[in-house]
C-alpha atoms as a PDB file:
ATOM      1  CA  MET A   1      -0.224  13.750  -8.660  1.00  0.00           C
ATOM      2  CA  HIS A   2       2.866  15.650  -7.547  1.00  0.00           C
ATOM      3  CA  ARG A   3       1.240  19.037  -8.238  1.00  0.00           C
ATOM      4  CA  VAL A   4      -2.154  18.237  -6.728  1.00  0.00           C
ATOM      5  CA  PRO A   5      -2.657  19.765  -3.241  1.00  0.00           C
ATOM      6  CA  ALA A   6      -2.611  17.284  -0.373  1.00  0.00           C
ATOM      7  CA  PRO A   7      -6.194  18.024   0.790  1.00  0.00           C
ATOM      8  CA  VAL A   8      -7.491  17.236  -2.698  1.00  0.00           C
ATOM      9  CA  LEU A   9      -5.632  13.914  -2.754  1.00  0.00           C
ATOM     10  CA  LEU A  10      -6.870  12.930   0.701  1.00  0.00           C
ATOM     11  CA  ILE A  11     -10.471  13.927  -0.007  1.00  0.00           C
ATOM     12  CA  LEU A  12     -10.321  11.990  -3.285  1.00  0.00           C
ATOM     13  CA  SER A  13      -9.142   8.886  -1.425  1.00  0.00           C
ATOM     14  CA  ALA A  14     -11.963   9.144   1.123  1.00  0.00           C
ATOM     15  CA  LEU A  15     -14.496   9.619  -1.691  1.00  0.00           C
ATOM     16  CA  LEU A  16     -13.255   6.609  -3.664  1.00  0.00           C
ATOM     17  CA  TRP A  17     -13.168   4.388  -0.588  1.00  0.00           C
ATOM     18  CA  GLY A  18     -16.634   5.581   0.424  1.00  0.00           C
ATOM     19  CA  GLY A  19     -17.912   4.694  -3.026  1.00  0.00           C
ATOM     20  CA  ASN A  20     -16.598   1.156  -2.617  1.00  0.00           C
ATOM     21  CA  PHE A  21     -19.356   0.371  -0.106  1.00  0.00           C
ATOM     22  CA  VAL A  22     -22.009   1.760  -2.410  1.00  0.00           C
ATOM     23  CA  VAL A  23     -20.982  -0.206  -5.496  1.00  0.00           C
ATOM     24  CA  GLY A  24     -20.439  -3.316  -3.363  1.00  0.00           C
ATOM     25  CA  ARG A  25     -23.984  -3.033  -2.074  1.00  0.00           C
ATOM     26  CA  ALA A  26     -25.357  -2.206  -5.529  1.00  0.00           C
ATOM     27  CA  VAL A  27     -24.019  -5.406  -7.121  1.00  0.00           C
ATOM     28  CA  SER A  28     -24.472  -7.652  -4.071  1.00  0.00           C
ATOM     29  CA  ALA A  29     -27.218  -9.598  -5.828  1.00  0.00           C
ATOM     30  CA  GLY A  30     -25.269  -9.925  -9.070  1.00  0.00           C
ATOM     31  CA  ILE A  31     -21.616 -10.571  -8.189  1.00  0.00           C
ATOM     32  CA  PRO A  32     -20.702 -13.130  -5.503  1.00  0.00           C
ATOM     33  CA  PRO A  33     -18.371 -11.708  -2.832  1.00  0.00           C
ATOM     34  CA  LEU A  34     -15.320 -13.863  -3.555  1.00  0.00           C
ATOM     35  CA  SER A  35     -15.631 -13.111  -7.256  1.00  0.00           C
ATOM     36  CA  LEU A  36     -15.741  -9.383  -6.578  1.00  0.00           C
ATOM     37  CA  SER A  37     -12.727  -9.589  -4.258  1.00  0.00           C
ATOM     38  CA  PHE A  38     -10.750 -11.709  -6.718  1.00  0.00           C
ATOM     39  CA  TYR A  39     -11.387  -9.560  -9.780  1.00  0.00           C
ATOM     40  CA  ARG A  40     -10.853  -6.374  -7.784  1.00  0.00           C
ATOM     41  CA  TRP A  41      -7.336  -7.373  -6.821  1.00  0.00           C
ATOM     42  CA  LEU A  42      -6.535  -9.047 -10.124  1.00  0.00           C
ATOM     43  CA  THR A  43      -7.400  -5.784 -11.896  1.00  0.00           C
ATOM     44  CA  ALA A  44      -5.398  -3.765  -9.392  1.00  0.00           C
ATOM     45  CA  LEU A  45      -2.457  -6.148  -9.704  1.00  0.00           C
ATOM     46  CA  VAL A  46      -2.256  -5.770 -13.485  1.00  0.00           C
ATOM     47  CA  VAL A  47      -2.147  -1.977 -13.181  1.00  0.00           C
ATOM     48  CA  LEU A  48       0.315  -2.039 -10.281  1.00  0.00           C
ATOM     49  CA  VAL A  49       2.711  -4.341 -12.136  1.00  0.00           C
ATOM     50  CA  ILE A  50       2.702  -1.939 -15.076  1.00  0.00           C
ATOM     51  CA  ILE A  51       3.367   1.004 -12.754  1.00  0.00           C
ATOM     52  CA  SER A  52       5.945  -0.557 -10.466  1.00  0.00           C
ATOM     53  CA  GLY A  53       7.460  -3.441 -12.441  1.00  0.00           C
ATOM     54  CA  PRO A  54      11.138  -2.315 -12.332  1.00  0.00           C
ATOM     55  CA  ALA A  55      10.913  -1.309  -8.666  1.00  0.00           C
ATOM     56  CA  VAL A  56       9.352  -4.660  -7.770  1.00  0.00           C
ATOM     57  CA  ARG A  57      12.182  -6.550  -9.476  1.00  0.00           C
ATOM     58  CA  GLN A  58      14.747  -4.562  -7.485  1.00  0.00           C
ATOM     59  CA  SER A  59      12.882  -5.340  -4.257  1.00  0.00           C
ATOM     60  CA  ILE A  60      12.532  -9.107  -4.751  1.00  0.00           C
ATOM     61  CA  PRO A  61      15.373 -10.033  -2.322  1.00  0.00           C
ATOM     62  CA  GLU A  62      13.776  -7.944   0.446  1.00  0.00           C
ATOM     63  CA  LEU A  63      10.317  -9.335  -0.304  1.00  0.00           C
ATOM     64  CA  ARG A  64      11.609 -12.910  -0.203  1.00  0.00           C
ATOM     65  CA  ARG A  65      12.891 -12.317   3.313  1.00  0.00           C
ATOM     66  CA  HIS A  66       9.350 -11.386   4.345  1.00  0.00           C
ATOM     67  CA  LEU A  67       7.280 -14.115   2.677  1.00  0.00           C
ATOM     68  CA  GLY A  68       5.624 -15.047   5.963  1.00  0.00           C
ATOM     69  CA  TRP A  69       4.693 -11.424   6.588  1.00  0.00           C
ATOM     70  CA  LEU A  70       3.321 -11.103   3.048  1.00  0.00           C
ATOM     71  CA  ALA A  71       1.196 -14.233   3.472  1.00  0.00           C
ATOM     72  CA  ILE A  72      -0.339 -13.085   6.767  1.00  0.00           C
ATOM     73  CA  SER A  73      -0.834  -9.488   5.612  1.00  0.00           C
ATOM     74  CA  SER A  74      -2.399 -10.532   2.320  1.00  0.00           C
ATOM     75  CA  PHE A  75      -4.697 -12.947   4.151  1.00  0.00           C
ATOM     76  CA  THR A  76      -5.944 -10.326   6.622  1.00  0.00           C
ATOM     77  CA  GLY A  77      -5.757  -7.156   4.507  1.00  0.00           C
ATOM     78  CA  VAL A  78      -6.910  -8.524   1.148  1.00  0.00           C
ATOM     79  CA  LEU A  79      -8.678 -11.868   1.412  1.00  0.00           C
ATOM     80  CA  LEU A  80     -10.344 -11.601   4.811  1.00  0.00           C
ATOM     81  CA  PHE A  81     -11.138  -7.888   4.950  1.00  0.00           C
ATOM     82  CA  HIS A  82     -12.599  -7.452   1.482  1.00  0.00           C
ATOM     83  CA  THR A  83     -14.412 -10.785   1.402  1.00  0.00           C
ATOM     84  CA  LEU A  84     -16.086 -10.046   4.740  1.00  0.00           C
ATOM     85  CA  VAL A  85     -17.042  -6.545   3.563  1.00  0.00           C
ATOM     86  CA  TYR A  86     -18.540  -7.708   0.275  1.00  0.00           C
ATOM     87  CA  THR A  87     -20.303 -10.641   1.959  1.00  0.00           C
ATOM     88  CA  GLY A  88     -21.639  -8.355   4.674  1.00  0.00           C
ATOM     89  CA  LEU A  89     -23.004  -5.930   2.088  1.00  0.00           C
ATOM     90  CA  HIS A  90     -25.417  -8.661   0.972  1.00  0.00           C
ATOM     91  CA  THR A  91     -27.374  -8.233   4.215  1.00  0.00           C
ATOM     92  CA  THR A  92     -26.583  -4.749   5.496  1.00  0.00           C
ATOM     93  CA  THR A  93     -26.643  -1.255   4.062  1.00  0.00           C
ATOM     94  CA  ALA A  94     -23.747   0.760   2.692  1.00  0.00           C
ATOM     95  CA  VAL A  95     -24.415   3.373   5.391  1.00  0.00           C
ATOM     96  CA  ASN A  96     -24.105   0.817   8.203  1.00  0.00           C
ATOM     97  CA  ALA A  97     -21.004  -0.734   6.667  1.00  0.00           C
ATOM     98  CA  SER A  98     -19.176   2.558   6.214  1.00  0.00           C
ATOM     99  CA  LEU A  99     -19.945   3.682   9.773  1.00  0.00           C
ATOM    100  CA  ILE A 100     -18.664   0.423  11.239  1.00  0.00           C
ATOM    101  CA  VAL A 101     -15.513   0.375   9.094  1.00  0.00           C
ATOM    102  CA  ALA A 102     -14.828   3.982  10.095  1.00  0.00           C
ATOM    103  CA  THR A 103     -14.026   2.693  13.586  1.00  0.00           C
ATOM    104  CA  SER A 104     -10.856   0.948  12.342  1.00  0.00           C
ATOM    105  CA  PRO A 105      -8.418   3.581  13.693  1.00  0.00           C
ATOM    106  CA  VAL A 106      -9.834   3.096  17.195  1.00  0.00           C
ATOM    107  CA  VAL A 107      -9.767  -0.707  17.059  1.00  0.00           C
ATOM    108  CA  ILE A 108      -6.051  -0.673  16.232  1.00  0.00           C
ATOM    109  CA  PRO A 109      -4.923   0.281  19.780  1.00  0.00           C
ATOM    110  CA  LEU A 110      -6.922  -2.685  21.105  1.00  0.00           C
ATOM    111  CA  VAL A 111      -5.087  -5.043  18.758  1.00  0.00           C
ATOM    112  CA  VAL A 112      -1.774  -3.421  19.711  1.00  0.00           C
ATOM    113  CA  TYR A 113      -2.590  -4.019  23.375  1.00  0.00           C
ATOM    114  CA  VAL A 114      -3.501  -7.666  22.796  1.00  0.00           C
ATOM    115  CA  ALA A 115      -0.470  -8.343  20.583  1.00  0.00           C
ATOM    116  CA  PHE A 116       2.217  -6.285  22.310  1.00  0.00           C
ATOM    117  CA  ARG A 117       0.690  -5.366  25.687  1.00  0.00           C
ATOM    118  CA  GLU A 118       1.294  -1.704  24.892  1.00  0.00           C
ATOM    119  CA  HIS A 119      -0.396   0.792  27.190  1.00  0.00           C
ATOM    120  CA  ILE A 120      -3.668   2.327  26.007  1.00  0.00           C
ATOM    121  CA  THR A 121      -3.663   6.049  26.754  1.00  0.00           C
ATOM    122  CA  ALA A 122      -6.546   7.797  28.484  1.00  0.00           C
ATOM    123  CA  ARG A 123      -7.519   9.522  25.236  1.00  0.00           C
ATOM    124  CA  GLU A 124      -7.492   6.224  23.373  1.00  0.00           C
ATOM    125  CA  GLY A 125      -9.562   4.630  26.132  1.00  0.00           C
ATOM    126  CA  VAL A 126     -12.213   7.342  25.935  1.00  0.00           C
ATOM    127  CA  GLY A 127     -12.174   7.093  22.149  1.00  0.00           C
ATOM    128  CA  ILE A 128     -12.579   3.324  22.233  1.00  0.00           C
ATOM    129  CA  VAL A 129     -15.551   3.502  24.622  1.00  0.00           C
ATOM    130  CA  ALA A 130     -17.277   6.269  22.632  1.00  0.00           C
ATOM    131  CA  THR A 131     -16.693   4.525  19.321  1.00  0.00           C
ATOM    132  CA  MET A 132     -17.917   1.173  20.599  1.00  0.00           C
ATOM    133  CA  LEU A 133     -21.082   2.855  21.911  1.00  0.00           C
ATOM    134  CA  GLY A 134     -21.602   4.258  18.429  1.00  0.00           C
ATOM    135  CA  VAL A 135     -21.143   0.830  16.873  1.00  0.00           C
ATOM    136  CA  ILE A 136     -23.637  -0.680  19.341  1.00  0.00           C
ATOM    137  CA  VAL A 137     -26.192   1.977  18.383  1.00  0.00           C
ATOM    138  CA  VAL A 138     -25.712   1.098  14.699  1.00  0.00           C
ATOM    139  CA  LEU A 139     -25.725  -2.678  15.289  1.00  0.00           C
ATOM    140  CA  THR A 140     -28.931  -2.549  17.345  1.00  0.00           C
ATOM    141  CA  ARG A 141     -30.603   0.069  15.110  1.00  0.00           C
ATOM    142  CA  GLY A 142     -31.081   2.073  18.291  1.00  0.00           C
ATOM    143  CA  ASP A 143     -32.965  -0.783  19.974  1.00  0.00           C
ATOM    144  CA  PHE A 144     -30.826  -1.725  22.971  1.00  0.00           C
ATOM    145  CA  GLY A 145     -33.221  -4.571  23.712  1.00  0.00           C
ATOM    146  CA  ALA A 146     -31.528  -6.354  20.827  1.00  0.00           C
ATOM    147  CA  LEU A 147     -28.450  -6.721  23.023  1.00  0.00           C
ATOM    148  CA  GLY A 148     -30.271  -9.040  25.403  1.00  0.00           C
ATOM    149  CA  GLY A 149     -31.486 -11.278  22.621  1.00  0.00           C
ATOM    150  CA  LEU A 150     -28.298 -10.908  20.584  1.00  0.00           C
ATOM    151  CA  ARG A 151     -30.413  -9.881  17.625  1.00  0.00           C
ATOM    152  CA  PHE A 152     -27.945  -8.435  15.157  1.00  0.00           C
ATOM    153  CA  ALA A 153     -27.883  -8.361  11.378  1.00  0.00           C
ATOM    154  CA  VAL A 154     -25.400 -10.941  10.091  1.00  0.00           C
ATOM    155  CA  GLY A 155     -24.042  -8.406   7.624  1.00  0.00           C
ATOM    156  CA  ASP A 156     -23.187  -5.945  10.387  1.00  0.00           C
ATOM    157  CA  LEU A 157     -21.294  -8.635  12.309  1.00  0.00           C
ATOM    158  CA  LEU A 158     -19.349  -9.584   9.180  1.00  0.00           C
ATOM    159  CA  ILE A 159     -18.392  -5.946   8.672  1.00  0.00           C
ATOM    160  CA  LEU A 160     -17.271  -5.802  12.307  1.00  0.00           C
ATOM    161  CA  GLY A 161     -15.137  -8.882  11.663  1.00  0.00           C
ATOM    162  CA  ALA A 162     -13.633  -7.089   8.679  1.00  0.00           C
ATOM    163  CA  VAL A 163     -12.667  -4.193  10.957  1.00  0.00           C
ATOM    164  CA  VAL A 164     -10.779  -6.576  13.240  1.00  0.00           C
ATOM    165  CA  ALA A 165      -9.034  -8.138  10.224  1.00  0.00           C
ATOM    166  CA  TRP A 166      -7.994  -4.694   8.988  1.00  0.00           C
ATOM    167  CA  ALA A 167      -6.719  -3.731  12.422  1.00  0.00           C
ATOM    168  CA  VAL A 168      -4.553  -6.866  12.534  1.00  0.00           C
ATOM    169  CA  TYR A 169      -3.221  -6.051   9.058  1.00  0.00           C
ATOM    170  CA  SER A 170      -2.543  -2.454  10.066  1.00  0.00           C
ATOM    171  CA  VAL A 171      -0.631  -3.411  13.202  1.00  0.00           C
ATOM    172  CA  GLY A 172       1.424  -5.830  11.112  1.00  0.00           C
ATOM    173  CA  LEU A 173       2.660  -2.901   9.025  1.00  0.00           C
ATOM    174  CA  ARG A 174       5.123  -2.244  11.845  1.00  0.00           C
ATOM    175  CA  ARG A 175       7.157  -5.153  10.506  1.00  0.00           C
ATOM    176  CA  ARG A 176       6.656  -4.487   6.817  1.00  0.00           C
ATOM    177  CA  PRO A 177       9.478  -4.992   4.317  1.00  0.00           C
ATOM    178  CA  ASN A 178      11.696  -1.994   3.636  1.00  0.00           C
ATOM    179  CA  VAL A 179      10.364  -1.299   0.137  1.00  0.00           C
ATOM    180  CA  PRO A 180       8.544   1.649  -1.513  1.00  0.00           C
ATOM    181  CA  PRO A 181       4.796   1.833  -0.742  1.00  0.00           C
ATOM    182  CA  VAL A 182       3.755   1.041  -4.321  1.00  0.00           C
ATOM    183  CA  VAL A 183       5.983  -2.059  -4.288  1.00  0.00           C
ATOM    184  CA  LEU A 184       4.475  -3.163  -0.993  1.00  0.00           C
ATOM    185  CA  LEU A 185       0.962  -2.701  -2.355  1.00  0.00           C
ATOM    186  CA  THR A 186       1.892  -4.664  -5.492  1.00  0.00           C
ATOM    187  CA  ALA A 187       3.326  -7.536  -3.454  1.00  0.00           C
ATOM    188  CA  VAL A 188       0.325  -7.686  -1.119  1.00  0.00           C
ATOM    189  CA  ALA A 189      -2.027  -7.563  -4.116  1.00  0.00           C
ATOM    190  CA  ALA A 190      -0.126 -10.398  -5.826  1.00  0.00           C
ATOM    191  CA  VAL A 191      -0.134 -12.712  -2.817  1.00  0.00           C
ATOM    192  CA  GLY A 192      -3.718 -11.753  -1.969  1.00  0.00           C
ATOM    193  CA  THR A 193      -4.860 -12.606  -5.491  1.00  0.00           C
ATOM    194  CA  LEU A 194      -3.152 -16.003  -5.256  1.00  0.00           C
ATOM    195  CA  LEU A 195      -4.858 -16.679  -1.922  1.00  0.00           C
ATOM    196  CA  LEU A 196      -8.225 -15.670  -3.361  1.00  0.00           C
ATOM    197  CA  LEU A 197      -7.879 -17.847  -6.479  1.00  0.00           C
ATOM    198  CA  PRO A 198      -8.801 -21.258  -4.970  1.00  0.00           C
ATOM    199  CA  LEU A 199     -11.668 -19.723  -3.002  1.00  0.00           C
ATOM    200  CA  TYR A 200     -12.916 -17.971  -6.134  1.00  0.00           C
ATOM    201  CA  LEU A 201     -12.788 -21.269  -8.061  1.00  0.00           C
ATOM    202  CA  TRP A 202     -14.690 -22.978  -5.228  1.00  0.00           C
ATOM    203  CA  GLU A 203     -17.335 -20.263  -5.304  1.00  0.00           C
ATOM    204  CA  LEU A 204     -17.515 -20.514  -9.091  1.00  0.00           C
ATOM    205  CA  ALA A 205     -18.161 -24.269  -8.861  1.00  0.00           C
ATOM    206  CA  THR A 206     -20.705 -24.097  -6.030  1.00  0.00           C
ATOM    207  CA  VAL A 207     -22.458 -20.741  -6.387  1.00  0.00           C
ATOM    208  CA  GLY A 208     -21.734 -19.841  -9.978  1.00  0.00           C
ATOM    209  CA  GLY A 209     -20.240 -16.808 -11.635  1.00  0.00           C
ATOM    210  CA  PHE A 210     -21.786 -13.551 -12.745  1.00  0.00           C
ATOM    211  CA  ALA A 211     -23.044 -12.121 -15.986  1.00  0.00           C
ATOM    212  CA  PRO A 212     -20.409  -9.916 -17.705  1.00  0.00           C
ATOM    213  CA  THR A 213     -22.803  -6.988 -18.063  1.00  0.00           C
ATOM    214  CA  MET A 214     -21.614  -3.405 -18.388  1.00  0.00           C
ATOM    215  CA  PRO A 215     -22.640  -2.497 -14.796  1.00  0.00           C
ATOM    216  CA  HIS A 216     -20.720  -5.498 -13.448  1.00  0.00           C
ATOM    217  CA  ILE A 217     -17.627  -4.748 -15.530  1.00  0.00           C
ATOM    218  CA  ALA A 218     -17.795  -1.084 -14.521  1.00  0.00           C
ATOM    219  CA  THR A 219     -17.990  -2.133 -10.866  1.00  0.00           C
ATOM    220  CA  ILE A 220     -14.875  -4.296 -11.141  1.00  0.00           C
ATOM    221  CA  LEU A 221     -12.995  -1.509 -12.910  1.00  0.00           C
ATOM    222  CA  TYR A 222     -14.058   0.953 -10.221  1.00  0.00           C
ATOM    223  CA  VAL A 223     -13.036  -1.170  -7.240  1.00  0.00           C
ATOM    224  CA  GLY A 224      -9.851  -2.313  -8.981  1.00  0.00           C
ATOM    225  CA  LEU A 225      -8.613   0.917 -10.555  1.00  0.00           C
ATOM    226  CA  PHE A 226     -10.092   3.617  -8.350  1.00  0.00           C
ATOM    227  CA  ALA A 227     -10.904   2.177  -4.900  1.00  0.00           C
ATOM    228  CA  SER A 228      -7.638   0.228  -4.919  1.00  0.00           C
ATOM    229  CA  VAL A 229      -4.834   1.739  -7.027  1.00  0.00           C
ATOM    230  CA  THR A 230      -5.853   5.406  -7.331  1.00  0.00           C
ATOM    231  CA  ALA A 231      -7.097   5.786  -3.753  1.00  0.00           C
ATOM    232  CA  TYR A 232      -4.049   4.101  -2.209  1.00  0.00           C
ATOM    233  CA  LEU A 233      -1.538   6.083  -4.269  1.00  0.00           C
ATOM    234  CA  ALA A 234      -3.363   9.383  -3.649  1.00  0.00           C
ATOM    235  CA  TRP A 235      -3.528   8.670   0.072  1.00  0.00           C
ATOM    236  CA  ASN A 236       0.146   7.769   0.312  1.00  0.00           C
ATOM    237  CA  ARG A 237       1.125  10.913  -1.578  1.00  0.00           C
ATOM    238  CA  GLY A 238      -1.096  13.101   0.600  1.00  0.00           C
ATOM    239  CA  VAL A 239       0.375  11.640   3.783  1.00  0.00           C
ATOM    240  CA  VAL A 240       3.903  12.291   2.526  1.00  0.00           C
ATOM    241  CA  MET A 241       2.999  15.913   1.766  1.00  0.00           C
ATOM    242  CA  ILE A 242       1.399  16.946   5.074  1.00  0.00           C
ATOM    243  CA  GLY A 243       2.226  14.136   7.499  1.00  0.00           C
ATOM    244  CA  PRO A 244       0.098  11.427   9.116  1.00  0.00           C
ATOM    245  CA  THR A 245      -1.282  13.488  11.988  1.00  0.00           C
ATOM    246  CA  LYS A 246      -2.833  16.109   9.704  1.00  0.00           C
ATOM    247  CA  ALA A 247      -3.938  13.522   7.151  1.00  0.00           C
ATOM    248  CA  GLY A 248      -5.681  11.184   9.614  1.00  0.00           C
ATOM    249  CA  PRO A 249      -8.896  13.183  10.099  1.00  0.00           C
ATOM    250  CA  TYR A 250      -9.587  13.044   6.351  1.00  0.00           C
ATOM    251  CA  LEU A 251     -10.451   9.356   6.778  1.00  0.00           C
ATOM    252  CA  ASN A 252     -13.502  10.476   8.730  1.00  0.00           C
ATOM    253  CA  LEU A 253     -14.970  11.821   5.491  1.00  0.00           C
ATOM    254  CA  MET A 254     -15.364   8.266   4.168  1.00  0.00           C
ATOM    255  CA  PRO A 255     -18.667   7.410   5.924  1.00  0.00           C
ATOM    256  CA  LEU A 256     -20.031  10.852   5.047  1.00  0.00           C
ATOM    257  CA  PHE A 257     -19.326  10.298   1.359  1.00  0.00           C
ATOM    258  CA  SER A 258     -20.620   6.734   1.523  1.00  0.00           C
ATOM    259  CA  ALA A 259     -23.865   7.764   3.209  1.00  0.00           C
ATOM    260  CA  THR A 260     -24.431  10.579   0.717  1.00  0.00           C
ATOM    261  CA  LEU A 261     -23.806   8.315  -2.281  1.00  0.00           C
ATOM    262  CA  ALA A 262     -25.972   5.551  -0.787  1.00  0.00           C
ATOM    263  CA  VAL A 263     -28.892   7.948  -0.381  1.00  0.00           C
ATOM    264  CA  LEU A 264     -28.465   9.376  -3.889  1.00  0.00           C
ATOM    265  CA  PHE A 265     -27.865   6.166  -5.844  1.00  0.00           C
ATOM    266  CA  LEU A 266     -29.272   3.326  -3.728  1.00  0.00           C
ATOM    267  CA  GLY A 267     -32.218   5.088  -2.142  1.00  0.00           C
ATOM    268  CA  GLU A 268     -31.028   4.186   1.354  1.00  0.00           C
ATOM    269  CA  THR A 269     -32.436   6.129   4.278  1.00  0.00           C
ATOM    270  CA  ILE A 270     -30.479   7.886   7.015  1.00  0.00           C
ATOM    271  CA  HIS A 271     -32.158   7.030  10.322  1.00  0.00           C
ATOM    272  CA  VAL A 272     -31.830   8.732  13.687  1.00  0.00           C
ATOM    273  CA  TYR A 273     -29.718   5.844  14.984  1.00  0.00           C
ATOM    274  CA  HIS A 274     -27.234   6.470  12.149  1.00  0.00           C
ATOM    275  CA  LEU A 275     -26.860  10.079  13.272  1.00  0.00           C
ATOM    276  CA  VAL A 276     -26.553   9.172  16.960  1.00  0.00           C
ATOM    277  CA  GLY A 277     -24.106   6.362  16.269  1.00  0.00           C
ATOM    278  CA  GLY A 278     -22.180   8.573  13.858  1.00  0.00           C
ATOM    279  CA  VAL A 279     -21.777  11.278  16.504  1.00  0.00           C
ATOM    280  CA  PHE A 280     -20.372   8.768  19.014  1.00  0.00           C
ATOM    281  CA  ILE A 281     -18.039   7.306  16.386  1.00  0.00           C
ATOM    282  CA  ALA A 282     -16.843  10.719  15.188  1.00  0.00           C
ATOM    283  CA  PHE A 283     -16.203  11.855  18.755  1.00  0.00           C
ATOM    284  CA  GLY A 284     -14.324   8.664  19.550  1.00  0.00           C
ATOM    285  CA  LEU A 285     -12.174   9.003  16.445  1.00  0.00           C
ATOM    286  CA  TRP A 286     -11.429  12.641  17.215  1.00  0.00           C
ATOM    287  CA  VAL A 287     -10.470  11.986  20.829  1.00  0.00           C
ATOM    288  CA  SER A 288      -8.246   9.017  20.096  1.00  0.00           C
ATOM    289  CA  THR A 289      -6.564   9.991  16.826  1.00  0.00           C
ATOM    290  CA  VAL A 290      -6.237  13.781  16.602  1.00  0.00           C
ATOM    291  CA  GLN A 291      -3.078  13.965  18.650  1.00  0.00           C
ATOM    292  CA  PRO A 292       0.683  13.760  18.076  1.00  0.00           C
ATOM    293  CA  GLY A 293       1.877  10.272  17.329  1.00  0.00           C
ATOM    294  CA  ASP A 294      -1.581   8.957  16.510  1.00  0.00           C
ATOM    295  CA  ARG A 295      -1.962   5.443  15.167  1.00  0.00           C
ATOM    296  CA  SER A 296      -4.788   6.198  12.783  1.00  0.00           C
ATOM    297  CA  LEU A 297      -2.625   6.261   9.688  1.00  0.00           C
ATOM    298  CA  LEU A 298      -1.689   2.642  10.180  1.00  0.00           C
ATOM    299  CA  ALA A 299      -5.232   1.946   9.069  1.00  0.00           C
ATOM    300  CA  SER A 300      -4.485   3.443   5.653  1.00  0.00           C
ATOM    301  CA  SER A 301      -7.973   2.929   4.215  1.00  0.00           C
ATOM    302  CA  GLY A 302     -10.063   0.221   5.630  1.00  0.00           C
ATOM    303  CA  THR A 303     -11.670  -0.470   2.312  1.00  0.00           C
END
């Protein structure tokens, strides 16, 4: 990875994260959401422990001092975010989900304002308004009459909830332990897997499991190895190489990749409201994040 150009690493991350929505939608009828979340992070954890075992052992004292932070971050960034995404994909499309999740960098300043009362700049304000308009277009399918009757797809609202959870997680990174990124990811994955375990067992007892078919196993390997470990490590390396400000806009490729893959492999259709909403969202992201000192990189992935 050290010799791979930064743009390649960042594009790869966006592609892998975009694919997460497509495979999540593809297996929505076959793998329950908590099961997919649990096995995703269990798979990632096994690989991460192999990669970062010695470094994790050296960081245990620092991690112990931040157990509360790890619990909250794992709850919001692993359990809540991914479970809401995979549950939402049962009743919404991969295109909708990726467009809504793409708004994460703009939601972060709102969470920062609520949590710390930090000033929202004019650019961020314009970006927030434009992005929210785009989300409304997607949520209503371009029918603004749906606002009056509050007629929204449950899946879209769950995805929106996932965005808020990810924003809370991202803002919490300000107080993260002073450990290497791969160690932090390993620790969050470990605690997140533990938090998911009782919920997975509950789902297993009430809903049932899933058939260990090749497509299902391939899905778990993809979301665990590629959408989690590979994408995170590639993103972190790319950010180190060119800096967060230049890397941030690459996140905007995620919904483009997701939409393309959804059309090719799921037969989903791109509607006019997707294009209109996407333009508002892209403009809002550009206005609020393409500037010195942007907060977009706190969002890391959003998948």
